[in-house]
Amino acid sequence: MQLFETMRLEAGEIPRETYHRQRMARSAEALGYPFSTIQWQQVLAEMQRTYAHGLHRLKVVLSATGTLTVEVGTLADKPYMTARLVQIDDHTPQWQRINKTSERTFLQHNHQTDIVLFHDAHGRVLEFDIGNLVIVSNGEYFTPRYRNDFLRGCMRQALLDNGEIKEADITTEMLTQAIEKHDKIWMINSLREWVPVYFQQGCEK
């Protein structure tokens, strides 16, 4: 198993780099993986020098022995994404839900839509398979409240820290109402930042 972070590398800059480093360090400590901040900084500095121009997808992978490797690719334009609701497997261990590891089979889906939005057995909305949810209601921006049950995205945390979004308990019923009212719904992650989401088939399980 590996830990990894997927970041936006744009014109040699990595937005929210500190958030990514801190998240990997926390997961490494929790799962007993060696992690070197110095090695992290050296690896990222080299990537920033090498890819000083353009927009790239940067993936940094940490092995169980503490080795960091990198993958750099292009980032295809995606002006919006389609989504549908799926109930998460409640037997998924908590450590898999809250850490970004290569053990991500519980997030797999058949891609009838671009992405899926997971909810639990109680109808609480959690996260997309590739990012977090933001709903705009009456001019305010809300994201599901964290209860140790999903991955806290770096983009999400940065927006919370800046006071740009708020946590709230969001249910599937509330999501359905938001769709019916044509409220803005976003998928946010640190790679693509803000992407509009459309539930083409409504809130189907």
C-alpha atoms as a PDB file:
ATOM      1  CA  MET A   1       0.000   0.000   0.000  1.00  0.00           C
ATOM      2  CA  GLN A   2       1.143   3.556  -0.735  1.00  0.00           C
ATOM      3  CA  LEU A   3       0.192   7.052   0.341  1.00  0.00           C
ATOM      4  CA  PHE A   4      -0.129   9.717  -2.323  1.00  0.00           C
ATOM      5  CA  GLU A   5      -0.970  13.360  -2.959  1.00  0.00           C
ATOM      6  CA  THR A   6      -2.175  14.757  -6.279  1.00  0.00           C
ATOM      7  CA  MET A   7      -1.388  18.425  -6.760  1.00  0.00           C
ATOM      8  CA  ARG A   8      -1.783  21.246  -9.224  1.00  0.00           C
ATOM      9  CA  LEU A   9       1.545  22.417 -10.667  1.00  0.00           C
ATOM     10  CA  GLU A  10       0.961  25.663 -12.506  1.00  0.00           C
ATOM     11  CA  ALA A  11       3.729  27.915 -13.832  1.00  0.00           C
ATOM     12  CA  GLY A  12       6.132  26.322 -11.394  1.00  0.00           C
ATOM     13  CA  GLU A  13       3.885  26.935  -8.377  1.00  0.00           C
ATOM     14  CA  ILE A  14       2.035  24.373  -6.241  1.00  0.00           C
ATOM     15  CA  PRO A  15      -1.065  25.876  -4.595  1.00  0.00           C
ATOM     16  CA  ARG A  16      -1.801  24.516  -1.102  1.00  0.00           C
ATOM     17  CA  GLU A  17       1.528  22.661  -0.978  1.00  0.00           C
ATOM     18  CA  THR A  18       1.657  22.980   2.820  1.00  0.00           C
ATOM     19  CA  TYR A  19      -1.771  21.360   3.164  1.00  0.00           C
ATOM     20  CA  HIS A  20      -0.661  18.414   1.017  1.00  0.00           C
ATOM     21  CA  ARG A  21       2.568  17.947   2.951  1.00  0.00           C
ATOM     22  CA  GLN A  22       0.811  18.107   6.307  1.00  0.00           C
ATOM     23  CA  ARG A  23      -1.855  15.616   5.229  1.00  0.00           C
ATOM     24  CA  MET A  24       0.715  13.116   3.998  1.00  0.00           C
ATOM     25  CA  ALA A  25       2.751  13.548   7.183  1.00  0.00           C
ATOM     26  CA  ARG A  26      -0.338  12.921   9.352  1.00  0.00           C
ATOM     27  CA  SER A  27      -1.288   9.793   7.417  1.00  0.00           C
ATOM     28  CA  ALA A  28       2.301   8.536   7.450  1.00  0.00           C
ATOM     29  CA  GLU A  29       2.429   8.894  11.221  1.00  0.00           C
ATOM     30  CA  ALA A  30      -0.969   7.217  11.674  1.00  0.00           C
ATOM     31  CA  LEU A  31      -0.055   4.271   9.435  1.00  0.00           C
ATOM     32  CA  GLY A  32       3.564   3.901  10.536  1.00  0.00           C
ATOM     33  CA  TYR A  33       5.250   5.069   7.328  1.00  0.00           C
ATOM     34  CA  PRO A  34       8.560   6.970   7.455  1.00  0.00           C
ATOM     35  CA  PHE A  35       8.192  10.481   6.070  1.00  0.00           C
ATOM     36  CA  SER A  36      10.900  13.104   5.509  1.00  0.00           C
ATOM     37  CA  THR A  37       9.868  16.735   5.160  1.00  0.00           C
ATOM     38  CA  ILE A  38      13.308  17.533   3.739  1.00  0.00           C
ATOM     39  CA  GLN A  39      12.963  14.872   1.046  1.00  0.00           C
ATOM     40  CA  TRP A  40       9.464  16.142   0.231  1.00  0.00           C
ATOM     41  CA  GLN A  41      10.759  19.695  -0.201  1.00  0.00           C
ATOM     42  CA  GLN A  42      13.668  18.550  -2.353  1.00  0.00           C
ATOM     43  CA  VAL A  43      11.453  16.479  -4.641  1.00  0.00           C
ATOM     44  CA  LEU A  44       8.901  19.253  -5.109  1.00  0.00           C
ATOM     45  CA  ALA A  45      11.561  21.906  -5.678  1.00  0.00           C
ATOM     46  CA  GLU A  46      13.022  19.803  -8.479  1.00  0.00           C
ATOM     47  CA  MET A  47       9.597  19.422 -10.093  1.00  0.00           C
ATOM     48  CA  GLN A  48       8.988  23.162  -9.855  1.00  0.00           C
ATOM     49  CA  ARG A  49      12.274  23.871 -11.609  1.00  0.00           C
ATOM     50  CA  THR A  50      11.682  21.244 -14.270  1.00  0.00           C
ATOM     51  CA  TYR A  51       8.079  22.222 -14.990  1.00  0.00           C
ATOM     52  CA  ALA A  52       8.313  25.984 -14.600  1.00  0.00           C
ATOM     53  CA  HIS A  53       5.808  26.626 -17.386  1.00  0.00           C
ATOM     54  CA  GLY A  54       2.318  25.375 -18.157  1.00  0.00           C
ATOM     55  CA  LEU A  55      -0.264  23.446 -16.148  1.00  0.00           C
ATOM     56  CA  HIS A  56       0.504  19.934 -14.912  1.00  0.00           C
ATOM     57  CA  ARG A  57      -0.852  17.161 -12.704  1.00  0.00           C
ATOM     58  CA  LEU A  58       1.747  16.260 -10.068  1.00  0.00           C
ATOM     59  CA  LYS A  59       1.376  13.039  -8.083  1.00  0.00           C
ATOM     60  CA  VAL A  60       3.748  12.319  -5.200  1.00  0.00           C
ATOM     61  CA  VAL A  61       3.759   8.745  -3.885  1.00  0.00           C
ATOM     62  CA  LEU A  62       5.131   7.580  -0.523  1.00  0.00           C
ATOM     63  CA  SER A  63       6.059   3.899  -0.167  1.00  0.00           C
ATOM     64  CA  ALA A  64       5.912   1.898   3.049  1.00  0.00           C
ATOM     65  CA  THR A  65       9.712   2.232   3.288  1.00  0.00           C
ATOM     66  CA  GLY A  66       9.588   6.041   3.097  1.00  0.00           C
ATOM     67  CA  THR A  67      10.631   6.456  -0.547  1.00  0.00           C
ATOM     68  CA  LEU A  68       9.043   9.323  -2.467  1.00  0.00           C
ATOM     69  CA  THR A  69       8.423   9.026  -6.212  1.00  0.00           C
ATOM     70  CA  VAL A  70       6.697  11.431  -8.577  1.00  0.00           C
ATOM     71  CA  GLU A  71       4.488  11.261 -11.654  1.00  0.00           C
ATOM     72  CA  VAL A  72       3.806  14.301 -13.828  1.00  0.00           C
ATOM     73  CA  GLY A  73       1.084  14.440 -16.467  1.00  0.00           C
ATOM     74  CA  THR A  74      -1.141  16.829 -18.354  1.00  0.00           C
ATOM     75  CA  LEU A  75      -4.418  18.110 -16.948  1.00  0.00           C
ATOM     76  CA  ALA A  76      -7.242  17.834 -19.460  1.00  0.00           C
ATOM     77  CA  ASP A  77      -9.824  20.607 -19.463  1.00  0.00           C
ATOM     78  CA  LYS A  78     -13.089  19.645 -17.756  1.00  0.00           C
ATOM     79  CA  PRO A  79     -15.564  22.561 -17.676  1.00  0.00           C
ATOM     80  CA  TYR A  80     -18.185  20.526 -15.777  1.00  0.00           C
ATOM     81  CA  MET A  81     -18.864  17.000 -14.497  1.00  0.00           C
ATOM     82  CA  THR A  82     -21.922  14.762 -14.287  1.00  0.00           C
ATOM     83  CA  ALA A  83     -22.692  12.865 -11.087  1.00  0.00           C
ATOM     84  CA  ARG A  84     -25.100  10.553  -9.303  1.00  0.00           C
ATOM     85  CA  LEU A  85     -25.583   9.454  -5.696  1.00  0.00           C
ATOM     86  CA  VAL A  86     -24.230   6.136  -4.420  1.00  0.00           C
ATOM     87  CA  GLN A  87     -24.415   4.665  -0.917  1.00  0.00           C
ATOM     88  CA  ILE A  88     -20.969   3.946   0.454  1.00  0.00           C
ATOM     89  CA  ASP A  89     -20.042   0.504   1.747  1.00  0.00           C
ATOM     90  CA  ASP A  90     -20.424   0.988   5.493  1.00  0.00           C
ATOM     91  CA  HIS A  91     -17.964  -1.851   6.107  1.00  0.00           C
ATOM     92  CA  THR A  92     -15.116   0.249   4.693  1.00  0.00           C
ATOM     93  CA  PRO A  93     -12.520   0.676   7.472  1.00  0.00           C
ATOM     94  CA  GLN A  94     -12.220   4.188   8.833  1.00  0.00           C
ATOM     95  CA  TRP A  95      -8.499   4.417   8.051  1.00  0.00           C
ATOM     96  CA  GLN A  96      -9.262   3.905   4.358  1.00  0.00           C
ATOM     97  CA  ARG A  97     -11.870   6.652   4.358  1.00  0.00           C
ATOM     98  CA  ILE A  98      -9.777   9.324   6.076  1.00  0.00           C
ATOM     99  CA  ASN A  99      -6.336   8.698   4.523  1.00  0.00           C
ATOM    100  CA  LYS A 100      -5.366   9.056   0.861  1.00  0.00           C
ATOM    101  CA  THR A 101      -3.913   5.647   0.087  1.00  0.00           C
ATOM    102  CA  SER A 102      -3.788   3.288  -2.868  1.00  0.00           C
ATOM    103  CA  GLU A 103      -6.467   1.179  -1.114  1.00  0.00           C
ATOM    104  CA  ARG A 104      -9.363   2.964  -2.799  1.00  0.00           C
ATOM    105  CA  THR A 105     -11.558   0.184  -4.192  1.00  0.00           C
ATOM    106  CA  PHE A 106     -14.472   1.461  -2.092  1.00  0.00           C
ATOM    107  CA  LEU A 107     -14.526   4.574  -4.314  1.00  0.00           C
ATOM    108  CA  GLN A 108     -14.695   2.710  -7.607  1.00  0.00           C
ATOM    109  CA  HIS A 109     -17.774   3.000  -9.824  1.00  0.00           C
ATOM    110  CA  ASN A 110     -18.901   2.102 -13.342  1.00  0.00           C
ATOM    111  CA  HIS A 111     -18.608   5.661 -14.710  1.00  0.00           C
ATOM    112  CA  GLN A 112     -22.184   5.983 -15.897  1.00  0.00           C
ATOM    113  CA  THR A 113     -21.445   9.536 -14.819  1.00  0.00           C
ATOM    114  CA  ASP A 114     -18.089  11.307 -14.545  1.00  0.00           C
ATOM    115  CA  ILE A 115     -18.092  11.094 -10.768  1.00  0.00           C
ATOM    116  CA  VAL A 116     -20.262   9.793  -7.931  1.00  0.00           C
ATOM    117  CA  LEU A 117     -21.290  11.409  -4.660  1.00  0.00           C
ATOM    118  CA  PHE A 118     -21.288   9.045  -1.692  1.00  0.00           C
ATOM    119  CA  HIS A 119     -23.719   9.070   1.210  1.00  0.00           C
ATOM    120  CA  ASP A 120     -24.001   6.780   4.236  1.00  0.00           C
ATOM    121  CA  ALA A 121     -26.849   4.525   5.320  1.00  0.00           C
ATOM    122  CA  HIS A 122     -28.441   7.409   7.251  1.00  0.00           C
ATOM    123  CA  GLY A 123     -28.635   9.648   4.187  1.00  0.00           C
ATOM    124  CA  ARG A 124     -25.725  11.887   5.200  1.00  0.00           C
ATOM    125  CA  VAL A 125     -23.828  13.153   2.166  1.00  0.00           C
ATOM    126  CA  LEU A 126     -20.063  12.535   2.401  1.00  0.00           C
ATOM    127  CA  GLU A 127     -17.773  13.169  -0.589  1.00  0.00           C
ATOM    128  CA  PHE A 128     -17.262  12.659  -4.297  1.00  0.00           C
ATOM    129  CA  ASP A 129     -14.949   9.879  -5.394  1.00  0.00           C
ATOM    130  CA  ILE A 130     -12.362  12.497  -6.431  1.00  0.00           C
ATOM    131  CA  GLY A 131     -13.107  15.475  -4.200  1.00  0.00           C
ATOM    132  CA  ASN A 132     -15.401  17.268  -1.817  1.00  0.00           C
ATOM    133  CA  LEU A 133     -18.863  18.756  -2.227  1.00  0.00           C
ATOM    134  CA  VAL A 134     -19.868  22.411  -2.011  1.00  0.00           C
ATOM    135  CA  ILE A 135     -23.496  23.560  -2.320  1.00  0.00           C
ATOM    136  CA  VAL A 136     -24.445  27.219  -2.695  1.00  0.00           C
ATOM    137  CA  SER A 137     -27.628  28.149  -0.832  1.00  0.00           C
ATOM    138  CA  ASN A 138     -28.902  31.699  -0.342  1.00  0.00           C
ATOM    139  CA  GLY A 139     -25.497  33.041  -1.270  1.00  0.00           C
ATOM    140  CA  GLU A 140     -23.626  30.892   1.261  1.00  0.00           C
ATOM    141  CA  TYR A 141     -21.269  28.022   0.472  1.00  0.00           C
ATOM    142  CA  PHE A 142     -21.646  24.782   2.430  1.00  0.00           C
ATOM    143  CA  THR A 143     -19.644  21.546   2.553  1.00  0.00           C
ATOM    144  CA  PRO A 144     -20.518  18.331   4.467  1.00  0.00           C
ATOM    145  CA  ARG A 145     -19.488  18.292   8.109  1.00  0.00           C
ATOM    146  CA  TYR A 146     -16.547  16.017   8.856  1.00  0.00           C
ATOM    147  CA  ARG A 147     -17.210  13.167  11.292  1.00  0.00           C
ATOM    148  CA  ASN A 148     -14.145  10.999  10.680  1.00  0.00           C
ATOM    149  CA  ASP A 149     -15.943   9.425   7.722  1.00  0.00           C
ATOM    150  CA  PHE A 150     -14.373  10.842   4.543  1.00  0.00           C
ATOM    151  CA  LEU A 151     -11.174  12.339   3.165  1.00  0.00           C
ATOM    152  CA  ARG A 152     -10.677  15.986   4.078  1.00  0.00           C
ATOM    153  CA  GLY A 153      -9.470  17.581   0.865  1.00  0.00           C
ATOM    154  CA  CYS A 154      -6.712  20.189   0.846  1.00  0.00           C
ATOM    155  CA  MET A 155      -8.823  22.588  -1.208  1.00  0.00           C
ATOM    156  CA  ARG A 156     -11.708  22.109   1.236  1.00  0.00           C
ATOM    157  CA  GLN A 157      -9.512  22.804   4.243  1.00  0.00           C
ATOM    158  CA  ALA A 158      -7.964  25.897   2.686  1.00  0.00           C
ATOM    159  CA  LEU A 159     -11.428  27.302   1.913  1.00  0.00           C
ATOM    160  CA  LEU A 160     -12.614  26.550   5.466  1.00  0.00           C
ATOM    161  CA  ASP A 161      -9.535  28.208   6.947  1.00  0.00           C
ATOM    162  CA  ASN A 162     -10.147  31.285   4.782  1.00  0.00           C
ATOM    163  CA  GLY A 163     -13.811  31.441   5.788  1.00  0.00           C
ATOM    164  CA  GLU A 164     -14.990  30.986   2.199  1.00  0.00           C
ATOM    165  CA  ILE A 165     -17.119  27.905   2.929  1.00  0.00           C
ATOM    166  CA  LYS A 166     -18.883  26.528   6.019  1.00  0.00           C
ATOM    167  CA  GLU A 167     -19.509  23.025   7.326  1.00  0.00           C
ATOM    168  CA  ALA A 168     -23.082  21.765   7.532  1.00  0.00           C
ATOM    169  CA  ASP A 169     -24.928  18.460   7.853  1.00  0.00           C
ATOM    170  CA  ILE A 170     -26.131  17.817   4.302  1.00  0.00           C
ATOM    171  CA  THR A 171     -28.596  15.020   3.584  1.00  0.00           C
ATOM    172  CA  THR A 172     -29.655  13.378   0.352  1.00  0.00           C
ATOM    173  CA  GLU A 173     -33.043  15.070   0.765  1.00  0.00           C
ATOM    174  CA  MET A 174     -31.359  18.475   1.005  1.00  0.00           C
ATOM    175  CA  LEU A 175     -29.300  17.663  -2.070  1.00  0.00           C
ATOM    176  CA  THR A 176     -32.427  16.732  -4.011  1.00  0.00           C
ATOM    177  CA  GLN A 177     -34.000  20.045  -3.052  1.00  0.00           C
ATOM    178  CA  ALA A 178     -30.863  21.901  -4.135  1.00  0.00           C
ATOM    179  CA  ILE A 179     -30.987  20.179  -7.522  1.00  0.00           C
ATOM    180  CA  GLU A 180     -34.670  21.009  -7.946  1.00  0.00           C
ATOM    181  CA  LYS A 181     -34.002  24.663  -7.093  1.00  0.00           C
ATOM    182  CA  HIS A 182     -31.056  24.744  -9.512  1.00  0.00           C
ATOM    183  CA  ASP A 183     -28.675  25.759  -6.727  1.00  0.00           C
ATOM    184  CA  LYS A 184     -25.030  25.694  -7.742  1.00  0.00           C
ATOM    185  CA  ILE A 185     -23.276  22.445  -6.863  1.00  0.00           C
ATOM    186  CA  TRP A 186     -19.508  22.086  -7.067  1.00  0.00           C
ATOM    187  CA  MET A 187     -16.896  19.386  -6.861  1.00  0.00           C
ATOM    188  CA  ILE A 188     -13.761  20.865  -5.327  1.00  0.00           C
ATOM    189  CA  ASN A 189     -10.292  19.391  -5.143  1.00  0.00           C
ATOM    190  CA  SER A 190      -6.798  20.801  -5.075  1.00  0.00           C
ATOM    191  CA  LEU A 191      -6.040  19.637  -8.623  1.00  0.00           C
ATOM    192  CA  ARG A 192      -9.027  21.082 -10.512  1.00  0.00           C
ATOM    193  CA  GLU A 193     -10.177  23.527  -7.822  1.00  0.00           C
ATOM    194  CA  TRP A 194     -13.847  24.411  -8.655  1.00  0.00           C
ATOM    195  CA  VAL A 195     -15.833  22.246 -11.099  1.00  0.00           C
ATOM    196  CA  PRO A 196     -19.624  22.636 -11.625  1.00  0.00           C
ATOM    197  CA  VAL A 197     -21.563  19.386 -11.154  1.00  0.00           C
ATOM    198  CA  TYR A 198     -24.828  18.339 -12.791  1.00  0.00           C
ATOM    199  CA  PHE A 199     -26.930  15.425 -11.541  1.00  0.00           C
ATOM    200  CA  GLN A 200     -28.315  14.333 -14.887  1.00  0.00           C
ATOM    201  CA  GLN A 201     -30.370  11.477 -13.424  1.00  0.00           C
ATOM    202  CA  GLY A 202     -31.328  13.169 -10.176  1.00  0.00           C
ATOM    203  CA  CYS A 203     -30.445  11.639  -6.821  1.00  0.00           C
ATOM    204  CA  GLU A 204     -30.483   7.957  -7.640  1.00  0.00           C
ATOM    205  CA  LYS A 205     -28.861   5.319  -5.455  1.00  0.00           C
END
